Structures are given as structure tokens and as C-alpha cells.
Amino acid sequence: MTAIVECVPNFSEGRDMRVVNAIAGAIAGMPDVKLLSVEPDRDYNRTVVTFVGSPDAVVDAAFQATGRAAFSWRTGSESG
């Protein structure tokens, strides 16, 4: 049986769709990973994403998404 894991990280951005889309794109572009949902919340300025895949692929996708978020925050005008 092939192992599948789920990852549901919460990112501190829910208003700047440029950042939200960059995070989702980093995950969606990874092999052996399926992006299931992206739920930005403008009121709380948070985005929850849900994705699944093989254990190694999910770890790689989470790492890439975190890096993309950090890069986007450094190059943007994040507040709040």
C-alpha cells in the first residue's frame, strides 16, 4: 500500500492574493502532491491550505510553500 499524508498549514496572509497564489502555486507545482483547498480569510489575515501526497513529496511541498511565503512577505508590503 502506498502511504499518503495530509498537510494543513496556516499562513499569516489572507488579504494579499499575490502572496496566497504564490503559496498555492508552490504546492500545486510539486510532483506527487495534490492541492485540495486554499481558504484565505481577510478578517483574520490567514490562509489555510490543504494538500496530500506521498510523505516525502508533502514535506518538500510544505518547505517550498514556506519559502515562497517568506520571499513574498520580504518583497511585498505585509502588514497586520
PDB file of N, CA and C in Angstrom:
ATOM      1  N   MET A   1       0.835  -1.173   0.000  1.00  0.00           N
ATOM      2  CA  MET A   1       0.000   0.000   0.000  1.00  0.00           C
ATOM      3  C   MET A   1       0.890   1.250   0.000  1.00  0.00           C
ATOM      4  N   THR A   2       0.518   2.244  -0.786  1.00  0.00           N
ATOM      5  CA  THR A   2       1.241   3.496  -0.853  1.00  0.00           C
ATOM      6  C   THR A   2       0.780   4.413   0.269  1.00  0.00           C
ATOM      7  N   ALA A   3       1.742   4.990   0.988  1.00  0.00           N
ATOM      8  CA  ALA A   3       1.410   5.911   2.077  1.00  0.00           C
ATOM      9  C   ALA A   3       1.020   7.275   1.511  1.00  0.00           C
ATOM     10  N   ILE A   4      -0.031   7.848   2.063  1.00  0.00           N
ATOM     11  CA  ILE A   4      -0.474   9.194   1.714  1.00  0.00           C
ATOM     12  C   ILE A   4      -0.651   9.966   3.019  1.00  0.00           C
ATOM     13  N   VAL A   5      -0.141  11.184   3.040  1.00  0.00           N
ATOM     14  CA  VAL A   5      -0.313  12.034   4.214  1.00  0.00           C
ATOM     15  C   VAL A   5      -0.992  13.338   3.807  1.00  0.00           C
ATOM     16  N   GLU A   6      -1.609  13.980   4.795  1.00  0.00           N
ATOM     17  CA  GLU A   6      -2.278  15.260   4.589  1.00  0.00           C
ATOM     18  C   GLU A   6      -1.526  16.326   5.366  1.00  0.00           C
ATOM     19  N   CYS A   7      -1.449  17.509   4.783  1.00  0.00           N
ATOM     20  CA  CYS A   7      -0.815  18.643   5.440  1.00  0.00           C
ATOM     21  C   CYS A   7      -1.788  19.819   5.366  1.00  0.00           C
ATOM     22  N   VAL A   8      -1.980  20.510   6.501  1.00  0.00           N
ATOM     23  CA  VAL A   8      -2.928  21.622   6.568  1.00  0.00           C
ATOM     24  C   VAL A   8      -2.254  22.812   7.266  1.00  0.00           C
ATOM     25  N   PRO A   9      -1.332  23.472   6.576  1.00  0.00           N
ATOM     26  CA  PRO A   9      -0.661  24.621   7.194  1.00  0.00           C
ATOM     27  C   PRO A   9      -1.523  25.881   7.157  1.00  0.00           C
ATOM     28  N   ASN A  10      -1.229  26.772   8.079  1.00  0.00           N
ATOM     29  CA  ASN A  10      -1.914  28.047   8.228  1.00  0.00           C
ATOM     30  C   ASN A  10      -0.865  29.135   8.001  1.00  0.00           C
ATOM     31  N   PHE A  11      -1.052  29.955   6.973  1.00  0.00           N
ATOM     32  CA  PHE A  11      -0.114  31.025   6.648  1.00  0.00           C
ATOM     33  C   PHE A  11      -0.667  32.372   7.102  1.00  0.00           C
ATOM     34  N   SER A  12       0.198  33.226   7.586  1.00  0.00           N
ATOM     35  CA  SER A  12      -0.196  34.543   8.111  1.00  0.00           C
ATOM     36  C   SER A  12      -0.388  35.552   6.992  1.00  0.00           C
ATOM     37  N   GLU A  13      -1.267  35.228   6.080  1.00  0.00           N
ATOM     38  CA  GLU A  13      -1.651  36.132   4.991  1.00  0.00           C
ATOM     39  C   GLU A  13      -2.993  35.683   4.454  1.00  0.00           C
ATOM     40  N   GLY A  14      -3.951  36.594   4.427  1.00  0.00           N
ATOM     41  CA  GLY A  14      -5.262  36.267   3.895  1.00  0.00           C
ATOM     42  C   GLY A  14      -5.848  37.382   3.059  1.00  0.00           C
ATOM     43  N   ARG A  15      -5.076  38.448   2.898  1.00  0.00           N
ATOM     44  CA  ARG A  15      -5.581  39.616   2.171  1.00  0.00           C
ATOM     45  C   ARG A  15      -4.884  39.837   0.836  1.00  0.00           C
ATOM     46  N   ASP A  16      -3.602  39.599   0.799  1.00  0.00           N
ATOM     47  CA  ASP A  16      -2.817  39.829  -0.422  1.00  0.00           C
ATOM     48  C   ASP A  16      -2.856  38.563  -1.275  1.00  0.00           C
ATOM     49  N   MET A  17      -3.719  38.572  -2.281  1.00  0.00           N
ATOM     50  CA  MET A  17      -3.885  37.377  -3.100  1.00  0.00           C
ATOM     51  C   MET A  17      -2.633  37.044  -3.901  1.00  0.00           C
ATOM     52  N   ARG A  18      -1.767  37.996  -4.113  1.00  0.00           N
ATOM     53  CA  ARG A  18      -0.492  37.714  -4.772  1.00  0.00           C
ATOM     54  C   ARG A  18       0.314  36.714  -3.937  1.00  0.00           C
ATOM     55  N   VAL A  19       0.340  36.922  -2.622  1.00  0.00           N
ATOM     56  CA  VAL A  19       1.055  36.014  -1.720  1.00  0.00           C
ATOM     57  C   VAL A  19       0.324  34.679  -1.618  1.00  0.00           C
ATOM     58  N   VAL A  20      -0.990  34.719  -1.457  1.00  0.00           N
ATOM     59  CA  VAL A  20      -1.785  33.488  -1.357  1.00  0.00           C
ATOM     60  C   VAL A  20      -1.599  32.633  -2.612  1.00  0.00           C
ATOM     61  N   ASN A  21      -1.655  33.249  -3.774  1.00  0.00           N
ATOM     62  CA  ASN A  21      -1.476  32.500  -5.028  1.00  0.00           C
ATOM     63  C   ASN A  21      -0.064  31.959  -5.168  1.00  0.00           C
ATOM     64  N   ALA A  22       0.925  32.689  -4.678  1.00  0.00           N
ATOM     65  CA  ALA A  22       2.308  32.201  -4.730  1.00  0.00           C
ATOM     66  C   ALA A  22       2.472  30.959  -3.858  1.00  0.00           C
ATOM     67  N   ILE A  23       1.880  30.985  -2.686  1.00  0.00           N
ATOM     68  CA  ILE A  23       1.930  29.822  -1.788  1.00  0.00           C
ATOM     69  C   ILE A  23       1.241  28.624  -2.435  1.00  0.00           C
ATOM     70  N   ALA A  24       0.032  28.833  -2.947  1.00  0.00           N
ATOM     71  CA  ALA A  24      -0.716  27.743  -3.587  1.00  0.00           C
ATOM     72  C   ALA A  24       0.027  27.214  -4.809  1.00  0.00           C
ATOM     73  N   GLY A  25       0.625  28.115  -5.575  1.00  0.00           N
ATOM     74  CA  GLY A  25       1.367  27.697  -6.761  1.00  0.00           C
ATOM     75  C   GLY A  25       2.578  26.852  -6.428  1.00  0.00           C
ATOM     76  N   ALA A  26       3.251  27.192  -5.331  1.00  0.00           N
ATOM     77  CA  ALA A  26       4.414  26.403  -4.912  1.00  0.00           C
ATOM     78  C   ALA A  26       4.001  24.972  -4.582  1.00  0.00           C
ATOM     79  N   ILE A  27       2.850  24.822  -3.974  1.00  0.00           N
ATOM     80  CA  ILE A  27       2.363  23.484  -3.615  1.00  0.00           C
ATOM     81  C   ILE A  27       1.864  22.752  -4.851  1.00  0.00           C
ATOM     82  N   ALA A  28       1.043  23.410  -5.639  1.00  0.00           N
ATOM     83  CA  ALA A  28       0.441  22.773  -6.817  1.00  0.00           C
ATOM     84  C   ALA A  28       1.489  22.339  -7.839  1.00  0.00           C
ATOM     85  N   GLY A  29       2.626  23.008  -7.856  1.00  0.00           N
ATOM     86  CA  GLY A  29       3.671  22.687  -8.821  1.00  0.00           C
ATOM     87  C   GLY A  29       4.558  21.519  -8.436  1.00  0.00           C
ATOM     88  N   MET A  30       4.326  20.948  -7.270  1.00  0.00           N
ATOM     89  CA  MET A  30       5.170  19.846  -6.810  1.00  0.00           C
ATOM     90  C   MET A  30       4.655  18.501  -7.332  1.00  0.00           C
ATOM     91  N   PRO A  31       5.566  17.644  -7.794  1.00  0.00           N
ATOM     92  CA  PRO A  31       5.133  16.311  -8.246  1.00  0.00           C
ATOM     93  C   PRO A  31       4.658  15.465  -7.063  1.00  0.00           C
ATOM     94  N   ASP A  32       3.729  14.605  -7.317  1.00  0.00           N
ATOM     95  CA  ASP A  32       3.185  13.667  -6.322  1.00  0.00           C
ATOM     96  C   ASP A  32       2.452  14.354  -5.179  1.00  0.00           C
ATOM     97  N   VAL A  33       1.963  15.587  -5.425  1.00  0.00           N
ATOM     98  CA  VAL A  33       1.183  16.325  -4.426  1.00  0.00           C
ATOM     99  C   VAL A  33      -0.100  16.814  -5.084  1.00  0.00           C
ATOM    100  N   LYS A  34      -1.194  16.745  -4.365  1.00  0.00           N
ATOM    101  CA  LYS A  34      -2.492  17.243  -4.840  1.00  0.00           C
ATOM    102  C   LYS A  34      -2.961  18.342  -3.898  1.00  0.00           C
ATOM    103  N   LEU A  35      -3.086  19.561  -4.418  1.00  0.00           N
ATOM    104  CA  LEU A  35      -3.618  20.679  -3.653  1.00  0.00           C
ATOM    105  C   LEU A  35      -5.131  20.528  -3.598  1.00  0.00           C
ATOM    106  N   LEU A  36      -5.687  20.408  -2.395  1.00  0.00           N
ATOM    107  CA  LEU A  36      -7.118  20.172  -2.240  1.00  0.00           C
ATOM    108  C   LEU A  36      -7.912  21.450  -2.022  1.00  0.00           C
ATOM    109  N   SER A  37      -7.381  22.376  -1.229  1.00  0.00           N
ATOM    110  CA  SER A  37      -8.127  23.613  -0.992  1.00  0.00           C
ATOM    111  C   SER A  37      -7.202  24.740  -0.550  1.00  0.00           C
ATOM    112  N   VAL A  38      -7.662  25.955  -0.839  1.00  0.00           N
ATOM    113  CA  VAL A  38      -6.990  27.178  -0.416  1.00  0.00           C
ATOM    114  C   VAL A  38      -8.084  28.069   0.149  1.00  0.00           C
ATOM    115  N   GLU A  39      -7.989  28.408   1.431  1.00  0.00           N
ATOM    116  CA  GLU A  39      -9.047  29.141   2.119  1.00  0.00           C
ATOM    117  C   GLU A  39      -8.504  30.415   2.761  1.00  0.00           C
ATOM    118  N   PRO A  40      -8.414  31.513   1.986  1.00  0.00           N
ATOM    119  CA  PRO A  40      -7.971  32.775   2.597  1.00  0.00           C
ATOM    120  C   PRO A  40      -9.098  33.406   3.421  1.00  0.00           C
ATOM    121  N   ASP A  41      -8.720  34.059   4.507  1.00  0.00           N
ATOM    122  CA  ASP A  41      -9.679  34.750   5.368  1.00  0.00           C
ATOM    123  C   ASP A  41      -9.189  36.177   5.586  1.00  0.00           C
ATOM    124  N   ARG A  42      -9.844  37.111   4.940  1.00  0.00           N
ATOM    125  CA  ARG A  42      -9.453  38.525   5.034  1.00  0.00           C
ATOM    126  C   ARG A  42      -9.601  39.063   6.454  1.00  0.00           C
ATOM    127  N   ASP A  43     -10.634  38.635   7.176  1.00  0.00           N
ATOM    128  CA  ASP A  43     -10.877  39.154   8.525  1.00  0.00           C
ATOM    129  C   ASP A  43      -9.750  38.796   9.496  1.00  0.00           C
ATOM    130  N   TYR A  44      -9.268  37.575   9.414  1.00  0.00           N
ATOM    131  CA  TYR A  44      -8.209  37.113  10.317  1.00  0.00           C
ATOM    132  C   TYR A  44      -6.817  37.203   9.692  1.00  0.00           C
ATOM    133  N   ASN A  45      -6.755  37.595   8.425  1.00  0.00           N
ATOM    134  CA  ASN A  45      -5.493  37.681   7.673  1.00  0.00           C
ATOM    135  C   ASN A  45      -4.713  36.368   7.760  1.00  0.00           C
ATOM    136  N   ARG A  46      -5.388  35.285   7.460  1.00  0.00           N
ATOM    137  CA  ARG A  46      -4.802  33.945   7.474  1.00  0.00           C
ATOM    138  C   ARG A  46      -5.302  33.180   6.259  1.00  0.00           C
ATOM    139  N   THR A  47      -4.475  32.256   5.806  1.00  0.00           N
ATOM    140  CA  THR A  47      -4.885  31.331   4.749  1.00  0.00           C
ATOM    141  C   THR A  47      -4.541  29.923   5.192  1.00  0.00           C
ATOM    142  N   VAL A  48      -5.509  29.033   5.090  1.00  0.00           N
ATOM    143  CA  VAL A  48      -5.299  27.623   5.373  1.00  0.00           C
ATOM    144  C   VAL A  48      -5.324  26.887   4.033  1.00  0.00           C
ATOM    145  N   VAL A  49      -4.293  26.096   3.794  1.00  0.00           N
ATOM    146  CA  VAL A  49      -4.254  25.274   2.586  1.00  0.00           C
ATOM    147  C   VAL A  49      -4.250  23.805   3.007  1.00  0.00           C
ATOM    148  N   THR A  50      -4.819  22.982   2.165  1.00  0.00           N
ATOM    149  CA  THR A  50      -4.854  21.547   2.419  1.00  0.00           C
ATOM    150  C   THR A  50      -4.311  20.833   1.200  1.00  0.00           C
ATOM    151  N   PHE A  51      -3.347  19.946   1.434  1.00  0.00           N
ATOM    152  CA  PHE A  51      -2.802  19.162   0.338  1.00  0.00           C
ATOM    153  C   PHE A  51      -2.399  17.782   0.831  1.00  0.00           C
ATOM    154  N   VAL A  52      -2.328  16.842  -0.106  1.00  0.00           N
ATOM    155  CA  VAL A  52      -1.992  15.453   0.203  1.00  0.00           C
ATOM    156  C   VAL A  52      -0.965  14.947  -0.794  1.00  0.00           C
ATOM    157  N   GLY A  53      -0.329  13.858  -0.406  1.00  0.00           N
ATOM    158  CA  GLY A  53       0.623  13.223  -1.301  1.00  0.00           C
ATOM    159  C   GLY A  53       1.480  12.231  -0.549  1.00  0.00           C
ATOM    160  N   SER A  54       2.522  11.773  -1.209  1.00  0.00           N
ATOM    161  CA  SER A  54       3.454  10.863  -0.550  1.00  0.00           C
ATOM    162  C   SER A  54       4.176  11.639   0.554  1.00  0.00           C
ATOM    163  N   PRO A  55       4.620  10.956   1.596  1.00  0.00           N
ATOM    164  CA  PRO A  55       5.253  11.661   2.710  1.00  0.00           C
ATOM    165  C   PRO A  55       6.398  12.585   2.288  1.00  0.00           C
ATOM    166  N   ASP A  56       7.309  12.107   1.477  1.00  0.00           N
ATOM    167  CA  ASP A  56       8.446  12.942   1.064  1.00  0.00           C
ATOM    168  C   ASP A  56       7.995  14.124   0.219  1.00  0.00           C
ATOM    169  N   ALA A  57       7.049  13.906  -0.666  1.00  0.00           N
ATOM    170  CA  ALA A  57       6.562  14.986  -1.527  1.00  0.00           C
ATOM    171  C   ALA A  57       5.841  16.057  -0.715  1.00  0.00           C
ATOM    172  N   VAL A  58       5.091  15.645   0.297  1.00  0.00           N
ATOM    173  CA  VAL A  58       4.379  16.611   1.136  1.00  0.00           C
ATOM    174  C   VAL A  58       5.370  17.447   1.944  1.00  0.00           C
ATOM    175  N   VAL A  59       6.400  16.824   2.455  1.00  0.00           N
ATOM    176  CA  VAL A  59       7.439  17.581   3.174  1.00  0.00           C
ATOM    177  C   VAL A  59       8.075  18.599   2.237  1.00  0.00           C
ATOM    178  N   ASP A  60       8.422  18.174   1.032  1.00  0.00           N
ATOM    179  CA  ASP A  60       9.023  19.096   0.058  1.00  0.00           C
ATOM    180  C   ASP A  60       8.073  20.236  -0.296  1.00  0.00           C
ATOM    181  N   ALA A  61       6.798  19.928  -0.483  1.00  0.00           N
ATOM    182  CA  ALA A  61       5.820  20.956  -0.832  1.00  0.00           C
ATOM    183  C   ALA A  61       5.647  21.953   0.307  1.00  0.00           C
ATOM    184  N   ALA A  62       5.600  21.473   1.531  1.00  0.00           N
ATOM    185  CA  ALA A  62       5.470  22.366   2.686  1.00  0.00           C
ATOM    186  C   ALA A  62       6.688  23.281   2.785  1.00  0.00           C
ATOM    187  N   PHE A  63       7.861  22.733   2.553  1.00  0.00           N
ATOM    188  CA  PHE A  63       9.091  23.532   2.583  1.00  0.00           C
ATOM    189  C   PHE A  63       9.076  24.597   1.483  1.00  0.00           C
ATOM    190  N   GLN A  64       8.683  24.210   0.284  1.00  0.00           N
ATOM    191  CA  GLN A  64       8.623  25.159  -0.831  1.00  0.00           C
ATOM    192  C   GLN A  64       7.585  26.258  -0.571  1.00  0.00           C
ATOM    193  N   ALA A  65       6.432  25.890  -0.034  1.00  0.00           N
ATOM    194  CA  ALA A  65       5.385  26.874   0.251  1.00  0.00           C
ATOM    195  C   ALA A  65       5.852  27.869   1.316  1.00  0.00           C
ATOM    196  N   THR A  66       6.523  27.373   2.338  1.00  0.00           N
ATOM    197  CA  THR A  66       7.036  28.246   3.384  1.00  0.00           C
ATOM    198  C   THR A  66       8.075  29.210   2.822  1.00  0.00           C
ATOM    199  N   GLY A  67       8.953  28.698   1.995  1.00  0.00           N
ATOM    200  CA  GLY A  67       9.951  29.562   1.360  1.00  0.00           C
ATOM    201  C   GLY A  67       9.317  30.607   0.465  1.00  0.00           C
ATOM    202  N   ARG A  68       8.315  30.215  -0.292  1.00  0.00           N
ATOM    203  CA  ARG A  68       7.622  31.159  -1.178  1.00  0.00           C
ATOM    204  C   ARG A  68       6.911  32.230  -0.365  1.00  0.00           C
ATOM    205  N   ALA A  69       6.289  31.838   0.734  1.00  0.00           N
ATOM    206  CA  ALA A  69       5.605  32.808   1.600  1.00  0.00           C
ATOM    207  C   ALA A  69       6.606  33.800   2.179  1.00  0.00           C
ATOM    208  N   ALA A  70       7.713  33.304   2.689  1.00  0.00           N
ATOM    209  CA  ALA A  70       8.722  34.192   3.280  1.00  0.00           C
ATOM    210  C   ALA A  70       9.271  35.151   2.238  1.00  0.00           C
ATOM    211  N   PHE A  71       9.546  34.652   1.047  1.00  0.00           N
ATOM    212  CA  PHE A  71      10.054  35.519  -0.023  1.00  0.00           C
ATOM    213  C   PHE A  71       9.024  36.582  -0.393  1.00  0.00           C
ATOM    214  N   SER A  72       7.758  36.194  -0.493  1.00  0.00           N
ATOM    215  CA  SER A  72       6.701  37.131  -0.860  1.00  0.00           C
ATOM    216  C   SER A  72       6.520  38.201   0.199  1.00  0.00           C
ATOM    217  N   TRP A  73       6.623  37.828   1.464  1.00  0.00           N
ATOM    218  CA  TRP A  73       6.488  38.807   2.533  1.00  0.00           C
ATOM    219  C   TRP A  73       7.648  39.788   2.524  1.00  0.00           C
ATOM    220  N   ARG A  74       8.856  39.303   2.263  1.00  0.00           N
ATOM    221  CA  ARG A  74      10.032  40.189   2.236  1.00  0.00           C
ATOM    222  C   ARG A  74       9.968  41.168   1.083  1.00  0.00           C
ATOM    223  N   THR A  75       9.382  40.745  -0.032  1.00  0.00           N
ATOM    224  CA  THR A  75       9.361  41.607  -1.211  1.00  0.00           C
ATOM    225  C   THR A  75       8.087  42.409  -1.347  1.00  0.00           C
ATOM    226  N   GLY A  76       7.127  42.185  -0.451  1.00  0.00           N
ATOM    227  CA  GLY A  76       5.849  42.887  -0.515  1.00  0.00           C
ATOM    228  C   GLY A  76       5.713  43.898   0.605  1.00  0.00           C
ATOM    229  N   SER A  77       4.489  44.254   0.867  1.00  0.00           N
ATOM    230  CA  SER A  77       4.207  45.235   1.921  1.00  0.00           C
ATOM    231  C   SER A  77       3.257  44.609   2.930  1.00  0.00           C
ATOM    232  N   GLU A  78       3.692  43.544   3.576  1.00  0.00           N
ATOM    233  CA  GLU A  78       2.863  42.826   4.531  1.00  0.00           C
ATOM    234  C   GLU A  78       2.644  43.675   5.781  1.00  0.00           C
ATOM    235  N   SER A  79       1.426  43.705   6.251  1.00  0.00           N
ATOM    236  CA  SER A  79       1.125  44.396   7.494  1.00  0.00           C
ATOM    237  C   SER A  79       0.022  43.643   8.231  1.00  0.00           C
ATOM    238  N   GLY A  80       0.054  43.746   9.559  1.00  0.00           N
ATOM    239  CA  GLY A  80      -1.015  43.150  10.355  1.00  0.00           C
ATOM    240  C   GLY A  80      -0.788  41.769  10.804  1.00  0.00           C
TER     241      GLY A  80
END
